[in-house]
Amino acid sequence: MSRKKTRLQSVTEAAQIHRDACGIDISPEVIYVAVGPQQDAPAVRAFGTFTAELYRIANWLRACGVRTVAMESTGVYWIPLFQVLEDRGFEVLLVNARHYKNLPGRKTDVCDAAWLQYLHAVGLLQAAFRPPQTVCSFRTLLRHRAVLVQAASQHIQHMQKALDQMNVQIHRLLSDFTGVTGLAAKLSWTPFCKANGTGSSWRDCGRAE
């Protein structure tokens, strides 16, 4: 029985799946962008974080023929560049730093952007889930509203505590301390305190408290 002969050949370079890949490392003050060595020289460049610099990055990547970009999800600094690149038609992968920094084979003198570019080129990166832009915008509004509602509740509790410390019992008389009657009483504070201790003269008859 004949056996198939195997050709002995050492692998000197990993096969690239995405030859048009780019890696981006983002910090609060500088953005490092790396493309393939065959695309431009120098292959790693530093940019600022202002809006004009973000458009410079997009223009440079377009000139280098880049189609897909991998960037590290650092705080919220990645959001403006992510949106600029996505609007320009690039495929942007948001990568968790823990998923690529511990991969074996990295040299100590290679920056994060170049390492991201290499891993993305050989297909070793997995993108984190990010919903469409419309969903992100709606989610941001809902989160901001929740923060405002929580902050308003805390401020109302602070006002109630201050009134208790001054022994002013207006919030005991009104079912809604922030309603029409409560706001009218707070705007005319001195007359309210002289109104026989009941506050009935400030009652909003057109709306039930």
C-alpha atoms as a PDB file:
ATOM      1  CA  MET A   1       0.000   0.000   0.000  1.00  0.00           C
ATOM      2  CA  SER A   2       1.532   3.234  -1.103  1.00  0.00           C
ATOM      3  CA  ARG A   3       1.519   6.175   1.181  1.00  0.00           C
ATOM      4  CA  LYS A   4       1.003   9.738   0.058  1.00  0.00           C
ATOM      5  CA  LYS A   5       4.230  11.646   0.261  1.00  0.00           C
ATOM      6  CA  THR A   6       4.081  14.781   2.357  1.00  0.00           C
ATOM      7  CA  ARG A   7       6.026  17.788   1.238  1.00  0.00           C
ATOM      8  CA  LEU A   8       8.081  19.108   4.092  1.00  0.00           C
ATOM      9  CA  GLN A   9       7.915  22.871   4.105  1.00  0.00           C
ATOM     10  CA  SER A  10       8.282  25.283   6.986  1.00  0.00           C
ATOM     11  CA  VAL A  11       5.750  28.068   7.437  1.00  0.00           C
ATOM     12  CA  THR A  12       7.551  31.376   7.447  1.00  0.00           C
ATOM     13  CA  GLU A  13       4.501  33.666   7.378  1.00  0.00           C
ATOM     14  CA  ALA A  14       0.883  33.165   8.324  1.00  0.00           C
ATOM     15  CA  ALA A  15      -1.609  33.234   5.496  1.00  0.00           C
ATOM     16  CA  GLN A  16      -3.436  36.531   5.418  1.00  0.00           C
ATOM     17  CA  ILE A  17      -7.194  36.410   5.221  1.00  0.00           C
ATOM     18  CA  HIS A  18      -7.713  40.169   5.235  1.00  0.00           C
ATOM     19  CA  ARG A  19      -4.905  41.763   3.236  1.00  0.00           C
ATOM     20  CA  ASP A  20      -6.694  45.115   3.392  1.00  0.00           C
ATOM     21  CA  ALA A  21      -6.846  45.143   7.219  1.00  0.00           C
ATOM     22  CA  CYS A  22      -5.931  47.964   9.572  1.00  0.00           C
ATOM     23  CA  GLY A  23      -5.331  48.133  13.329  1.00  0.00           C
ATOM     24  CA  ILE A  24      -6.029  51.157  15.523  1.00  0.00           C
ATOM     25  CA  ASP A  25      -4.941  51.794  19.103  1.00  0.00           C
ATOM     26  CA  ILE A  26      -6.807  54.688  20.738  1.00  0.00           C
ATOM     27  CA  SER A  27      -5.820  56.778  23.743  1.00  0.00           C
ATOM     28  CA  PRO A  28      -7.196  60.102  25.050  1.00  0.00           C
ATOM     29  CA  GLU A  29      -4.509  62.202  23.318  1.00  0.00           C
ATOM     30  CA  VAL A  30      -3.119  60.174  20.411  1.00  0.00           C
ATOM     31  CA  ILE A  31      -4.378  57.536  17.980  1.00  0.00           C
ATOM     32  CA  TYR A  32      -1.962  54.991  16.470  1.00  0.00           C
ATOM     33  CA  VAL A  33      -3.014  53.558  13.116  1.00  0.00           C
ATOM     34  CA  ALA A  34      -1.244  50.624  11.459  1.00  0.00           C
ATOM     35  CA  VAL A  35      -1.688  49.245   7.959  1.00  0.00           C
ATOM     36  CA  GLY A  36       0.114  46.422   6.185  1.00  0.00           C
ATOM     37  CA  PRO A  37       3.805  46.930   5.352  1.00  0.00           C
ATOM     38  CA  GLN A  38       3.008  46.537   1.658  1.00  0.00           C
ATOM     39  CA  GLN A  39       0.339  49.258   1.724  1.00  0.00           C
ATOM     40  CA  ASP A  40       2.352  52.301   2.770  1.00  0.00           C
ATOM     41  CA  ALA A  41       5.520  53.417   4.524  1.00  0.00           C
ATOM     42  CA  PRO A  42       5.710  54.105   7.357  1.00  0.00           C
ATOM     43  CA  ALA A  43       3.034  51.548   8.104  1.00  0.00           C
ATOM     44  CA  VAL A  44       2.316  52.887  11.619  1.00  0.00           C
ATOM     45  CA  ARG A  45       1.378  56.533  12.065  1.00  0.00           C
ATOM     46  CA  ALA A  46       0.241  58.695  14.963  1.00  0.00           C
ATOM     47  CA  PHE A  47      -2.728  61.054  14.731  1.00  0.00           C
ATOM     48  CA  GLY A  48      -4.446  63.472  17.070  1.00  0.00           C
ATOM     49  CA  THR A  49      -7.909  63.072  18.541  1.00  0.00           C
ATOM     50  CA  PHE A  50      -9.620  66.170  17.111  1.00  0.00           C
ATOM     51  CA  THR A  51     -12.321  65.784  14.489  1.00  0.00           C
ATOM     52  CA  ALA A  52     -10.071  66.971  11.664  1.00  0.00           C
ATOM     53  CA  GLU A  53      -7.553  64.261  12.598  1.00  0.00           C
ATOM     54  CA  LEU A  54     -10.268  61.606  12.482  1.00  0.00           C
ATOM     55  CA  TYR A  55     -11.067  62.596   8.917  1.00  0.00           C
ATOM     56  CA  ARG A  56      -7.338  62.473   8.101  1.00  0.00           C
ATOM     57  CA  ILE A  57      -7.280  58.883   9.337  1.00  0.00           C
ATOM     58  CA  ALA A  58     -10.244  57.969   7.148  1.00  0.00           C
ATOM     59  CA  ASN A  59      -8.652  59.621   4.107  1.00  0.00           C
ATOM     60  CA  TRP A  60      -5.325  57.865   4.667  1.00  0.00           C
ATOM     61  CA  LEU A  61      -6.968  54.477   5.076  1.00  0.00           C
ATOM     62  CA  ARG A  62      -8.949  55.043   1.901  1.00  0.00           C
ATOM     63  CA  ALA A  63      -5.758  55.939   0.037  1.00  0.00           C
ATOM     64  CA  CYS A  64      -4.077  52.764   1.346  1.00  0.00           C
ATOM     65  CA  GLY A  65      -6.921  50.593   0.102  1.00  0.00           C
ATOM     66  CA  VAL A  66      -8.059  49.524   3.571  1.00  0.00           C
ATOM     67  CA  ARG A  67     -11.529  48.029   3.789  1.00  0.00           C
ATOM     68  CA  THR A  68     -11.719  46.521   7.273  1.00  0.00           C
ATOM     69  CA  VAL A  69     -10.523  48.054  10.557  1.00  0.00           C
ATOM     70  CA  ALA A  70      -9.978  46.574  14.007  1.00  0.00           C
ATOM     71  CA  MET A  71      -9.853  48.916  16.977  1.00  0.00           C
ATOM     72  CA  GLU A  72      -9.603  48.493  20.722  1.00  0.00           C
ATOM     73  CA  SER A  73     -12.618  49.426  22.842  1.00  0.00           C
ATOM     74  CA  THR A  74     -10.919  51.892  25.201  1.00  0.00           C
ATOM     75  CA  GLY A  75     -13.451  53.685  27.391  1.00  0.00           C
ATOM     76  CA  VAL A  76     -15.576  55.934  25.184  1.00  0.00           C
ATOM     77  CA  TYR A  77     -12.687  57.330  23.138  1.00  0.00           C
ATOM     78  CA  TRP A  78     -13.348  54.909  20.282  1.00  0.00           C
ATOM     79  CA  ILE A  79     -16.890  56.137  19.582  1.00  0.00           C
ATOM     80  CA  PRO A  80     -16.139  59.250  17.439  1.00  0.00           C
ATOM     81  CA  LEU A  81     -13.610  57.442  15.237  1.00  0.00           C
ATOM     82  CA  PHE A  82     -15.867  54.401  14.984  1.00  0.00           C
ATOM     83  CA  GLN A  83     -18.714  56.555  13.694  1.00  0.00           C
ATOM     84  CA  VAL A  84     -16.484  58.424  11.219  1.00  0.00           C
ATOM     85  CA  LEU A  85     -15.079  55.203   9.758  1.00  0.00           C
ATOM     86  CA  GLU A  86     -18.480  53.554   9.647  1.00  0.00           C
ATOM     87  CA  ASP A  87     -19.946  56.547   7.805  1.00  0.00           C
ATOM     88  CA  ARG A  88     -17.096  56.308   5.272  1.00  0.00           C
ATOM     89  CA  GLY A  89     -18.028  52.708   4.489  1.00  0.00           C
ATOM     90  CA  PHE A  90     -15.308  50.827   6.379  1.00  0.00           C
ATOM     91  CA  GLU A  91     -16.009  47.543   8.123  1.00  0.00           C
ATOM     92  CA  VAL A  92     -15.112  48.310  11.741  1.00  0.00           C
ATOM     93  CA  LEU A  93     -14.494  45.587  14.330  1.00  0.00           C
ATOM     94  CA  LEU A  94     -14.601  46.560  17.992  1.00  0.00           C
ATOM     95  CA  VAL A  95     -12.221  44.277  19.894  1.00  0.00           C
ATOM     96  CA  ASN A  96     -11.869  43.626  23.605  1.00  0.00           C
ATOM     97  CA  ALA A  97      -8.292  44.236  24.723  1.00  0.00           C
ATOM     98  CA  ARG A  98      -8.235  41.058  26.833  1.00  0.00           C
ATOM     99  CA  HIS A  99      -8.935  38.955  23.755  1.00  0.00           C
ATOM    100  CA  TYR A 100      -5.813  39.933  21.828  1.00  0.00           C
ATOM    101  CA  LYS A 101      -3.132  41.112  24.239  1.00  0.00           C
ATOM    102  CA  ASN A 102      -2.622  37.644  25.693  1.00  0.00           C
ATOM    103  CA  LEU A 103      -2.305  35.824  22.381  1.00  0.00           C
ATOM    104  CA  PRO A 104       1.103  34.134  21.979  1.00  0.00           C
ATOM    105  CA  GLY A 105       3.661  35.201  19.424  1.00  0.00           C
ATOM    106  CA  ARG A 106       3.757  38.903  20.057  1.00  0.00           C
ATOM    107  CA  LYS A 107       7.108  40.672  20.094  1.00  0.00           C
ATOM    108  CA  THR A 108       7.809  43.191  22.820  1.00  0.00           C
ATOM    109  CA  ASP A 109       8.767  45.977  20.415  1.00  0.00           C
ATOM    110  CA  VAL A 110       5.506  45.841  18.436  1.00  0.00           C
ATOM    111  CA  CYS A 111       2.905  48.468  19.294  1.00  0.00           C
ATOM    112  CA  ASP A 112      -0.716  47.582  19.908  1.00  0.00           C
ATOM    113  CA  ALA A 113      -1.871  49.000  16.581  1.00  0.00           C
ATOM    114  CA  ALA A 114       0.564  46.854  14.573  1.00  0.00           C
ATOM    115  CA  TRP A 115      -0.334  43.788  16.622  1.00  0.00           C
ATOM    116  CA  LEU A 116      -4.024  44.438  16.018  1.00  0.00           C
ATOM    117  CA  GLN A 117      -3.403  44.821  12.300  1.00  0.00           C
ATOM    118  CA  TYR A 118      -1.517  41.528  12.124  1.00  0.00           C
ATOM    119  CA  LEU A 119      -4.100  39.568  14.096  1.00  0.00           C
ATOM    120  CA  HIS A 120      -6.900  41.014  12.022  1.00  0.00           C
ATOM    121  CA  ALA A 121      -5.052  40.219   8.790  1.00  0.00           C
ATOM    122  CA  VAL A 122      -4.695  36.548   9.728  1.00  0.00           C
ATOM    123  CA  GLY A 123      -8.267  36.307  10.998  1.00  0.00           C
ATOM    124  CA  LEU A 124      -7.675  35.851  14.731  1.00  0.00           C
ATOM    125  CA  LEU A 125      -9.904  38.670  15.981  1.00  0.00           C
ATOM    126  CA  GLN A 126     -13.555  38.459  16.898  1.00  0.00           C
ATOM    127  CA  ALA A 127     -15.693  41.574  16.908  1.00  0.00           C
ATOM    128  CA  ALA A 128     -17.806  42.527  19.888  1.00  0.00           C
ATOM    129  CA  PHE A 129     -21.529  42.983  19.344  1.00  0.00           C
ATOM    130  CA  ARG A 130     -22.641  46.508  18.532  1.00  0.00           C
ATOM    131  CA  PRO A 131     -26.240  47.223  17.477  1.00  0.00           C
ATOM    132  CA  PRO A 132     -27.076  49.491  14.515  1.00  0.00           C
ATOM    133  CA  GLN A 133     -26.606  53.239  14.878  1.00  0.00           C
ATOM    134  CA  THR A 134     -30.345  53.899  15.205  1.00  0.00           C
ATOM    135  CA  VAL A 135     -30.557  51.481  18.114  1.00  0.00           C
ATOM    136  CA  CYS A 136     -27.453  53.022  19.718  1.00  0.00           C
ATOM    137  CA  SER A 137     -28.935  56.515  19.474  1.00  0.00           C
ATOM    138  CA  PHE A 138     -32.228  55.407  21.018  1.00  0.00           C
ATOM    139  CA  ARG A 139     -30.386  53.512  23.756  1.00  0.00           C
ATOM    140  CA  THR A 140     -28.308  56.605  24.548  1.00  0.00           C
ATOM    141  CA  LEU A 141     -31.456  58.700  24.941  1.00  0.00           C
ATOM    142  CA  LEU A 142     -33.051  56.130  27.240  1.00  0.00           C
ATOM    143  CA  ARG A 143     -29.932  55.901  29.392  1.00  0.00           C
ATOM    144  CA  HIS A 144     -29.658  59.677  29.616  1.00  0.00           C
ATOM    145  CA  ARG A 145     -33.315  59.947  30.591  1.00  0.00           C
ATOM    146  CA  ALA A 146     -32.821  57.339  33.319  1.00  0.00           C
ATOM    147  CA  VAL A 147     -29.861  59.315  34.680  1.00  0.00           C
ATOM    148  CA  LEU A 148     -31.891  62.541  34.723  1.00  0.00           C
ATOM    149  CA  VAL A 149     -34.825  60.870  36.482  1.00  0.00           C
ATOM    150  CA  GLN A 150     -32.513  59.420  39.123  1.00  0.00           C
ATOM    151  CA  ALA A 151     -30.794  62.783  39.623  1.00  0.00           C
ATOM    152  CA  ALA A 152     -34.165  64.544  39.957  1.00  0.00           C
ATOM    153  CA  SER A 153     -35.284  62.036  42.601  1.00  0.00           C
ATOM    154  CA  GLN A 154     -32.113  62.623  44.591  1.00  0.00           C
ATOM    155  CA  HIS A 155     -32.552  66.412  44.480  1.00  0.00           C
ATOM    156  CA  ILE A 156     -36.164  66.080  45.643  1.00  0.00           C
ATOM    157  CA  GLN A 157     -34.975  64.008  48.599  1.00  0.00           C
ATOM    158  CA  HIS A 158     -32.390  66.698  49.393  1.00  0.00           C
ATOM    159  CA  MET A 159     -35.140  69.358  49.430  1.00  0.00           C
ATOM    160  CA  GLN A 160     -37.347  67.229  51.671  1.00  0.00           C
ATOM    161  CA  LYS A 161     -34.461  66.689  54.073  1.00  0.00           C
ATOM    162  CA  ALA A 162     -33.731  70.421  54.182  1.00  0.00           C
ATOM    163  CA  LEU A 163     -37.412  71.173  54.914  1.00  0.00           C
ATOM    164  CA  ASP A 164     -37.440  68.613  57.735  1.00  0.00           C
ATOM    165  CA  GLN A 165     -34.345  70.202  59.243  1.00  0.00           C
ATOM    166  CA  MET A 166     -36.078  73.614  59.158  1.00  0.00           C
ATOM    167  CA  ASN A 167     -39.314  72.043  60.476  1.00  0.00           C
ATOM    168  CA  VAL A 168     -41.259  73.259  57.441  1.00  0.00           C
ATOM    169  CA  GLN A 169     -43.937  70.639  56.820  1.00  0.00           C
ATOM    170  CA  ILE A 170     -45.081  71.653  53.342  1.00  0.00           C
ATOM    171  CA  HIS A 171     -44.235  68.257  51.912  1.00  0.00           C
ATOM    172  CA  ARG A 172     -46.508  66.689  54.561  1.00  0.00           C
ATOM    173  CA  LEU A 173     -49.508  68.700  53.379  1.00  0.00           C
ATOM    174  CA  LEU A 174     -49.121  68.063  49.657  1.00  0.00           C
ATOM    175  CA  SER A 175     -49.375  64.689  47.983  1.00  0.00           C
ATOM    176  CA  ASP A 176     -47.058  65.876  45.200  1.00  0.00           C
ATOM    177  CA  PHE A 177     -44.283  68.085  46.484  1.00  0.00           C
ATOM    178  CA  THR A 178     -43.153  68.892  42.918  1.00  0.00           C
ATOM    179  CA  GLY A 179     -46.675  69.595  41.573  1.00  0.00           C
ATOM    180  CA  VAL A 180     -48.291  72.912  40.690  1.00  0.00           C
ATOM    181  CA  THR A 181     -49.173  73.760  44.284  1.00  0.00           C
ATOM    182  CA  GLY A 182     -45.753  72.821  45.588  1.00  0.00           C
ATOM    183  CA  LEU A 183     -43.972  74.879  42.955  1.00  0.00           C
ATOM    184  CA  ALA A 184     -46.232  77.890  43.603  1.00  0.00           C
ATOM    185  CA  ALA A 185     -45.540  77.633  47.321  1.00  0.00           C
ATOM    186  CA  LYS A 186     -41.778  77.453  46.817  1.00  0.00           C
ATOM    187  CA  LEU A 187     -41.787  80.412  44.433  1.00  0.00           C
ATOM    188  CA  SER A 188     -43.659  82.551  46.989  1.00  0.00           C
ATOM    189  CA  TRP A 189     -42.065  81.131  50.079  1.00  0.00           C
ATOM    190  CA  THR A 190     -42.585  83.984  52.572  1.00  0.00           C
ATOM    191  CA  PRO A 191     -46.328  84.473  51.937  1.00  0.00           C
ATOM    192  CA  PHE A 192     -46.850  80.727  52.196  1.00  0.00           C
ATOM    193  CA  CYS A 193     -45.294  80.596  55.628  1.00  0.00           C
ATOM    194  CA  LYS A 194     -47.779  83.260  56.789  1.00  0.00           C
ATOM    195  CA  ALA A 195     -50.827  81.471  55.391  1.00  0.00           C
ATOM    196  CA  ASN A 196     -52.145  80.061  58.724  1.00  0.00           C
ATOM    197  CA  GLY A 197     -49.980  76.927  58.474  1.00  0.00           C
ATOM    198  CA  THR A 198     -52.284  75.118  56.056  1.00  0.00           C
ATOM    199  CA  GLY A 199     -51.273  76.344  52.606  1.00  0.00           C
ATOM    200  CA  SER A 200     -54.875  76.153  51.408  1.00  0.00           C
ATOM    201  CA  SER A 201     -54.594  79.503  49.610  1.00  0.00           C
ATOM    202  CA  TRP A 202     -52.047  77.931  47.260  1.00  0.00           C
ATOM    203  CA  ARG A 203     -54.236  75.017  46.327  1.00  0.00           C
ATOM    204  CA  ASP A 204     -54.526  74.479  42.568  1.00  0.00           C
ATOM    205  CA  CYS A 205     -58.246  73.961  42.114  1.00  0.00           C
ATOM    206  CA  GLY A 206     -57.940  73.139  38.452  1.00  0.00           C
ATOM    207  CA  ARG A 207     -55.743  70.091  39.046  1.00  0.00           C
ATOM    208  CA  ALA A 208     -56.064  67.452  41.744  1.00  0.00           C
ATOM    209  CA  GLU A 209     -52.848  66.966  43.671  1.00  0.00           C
END
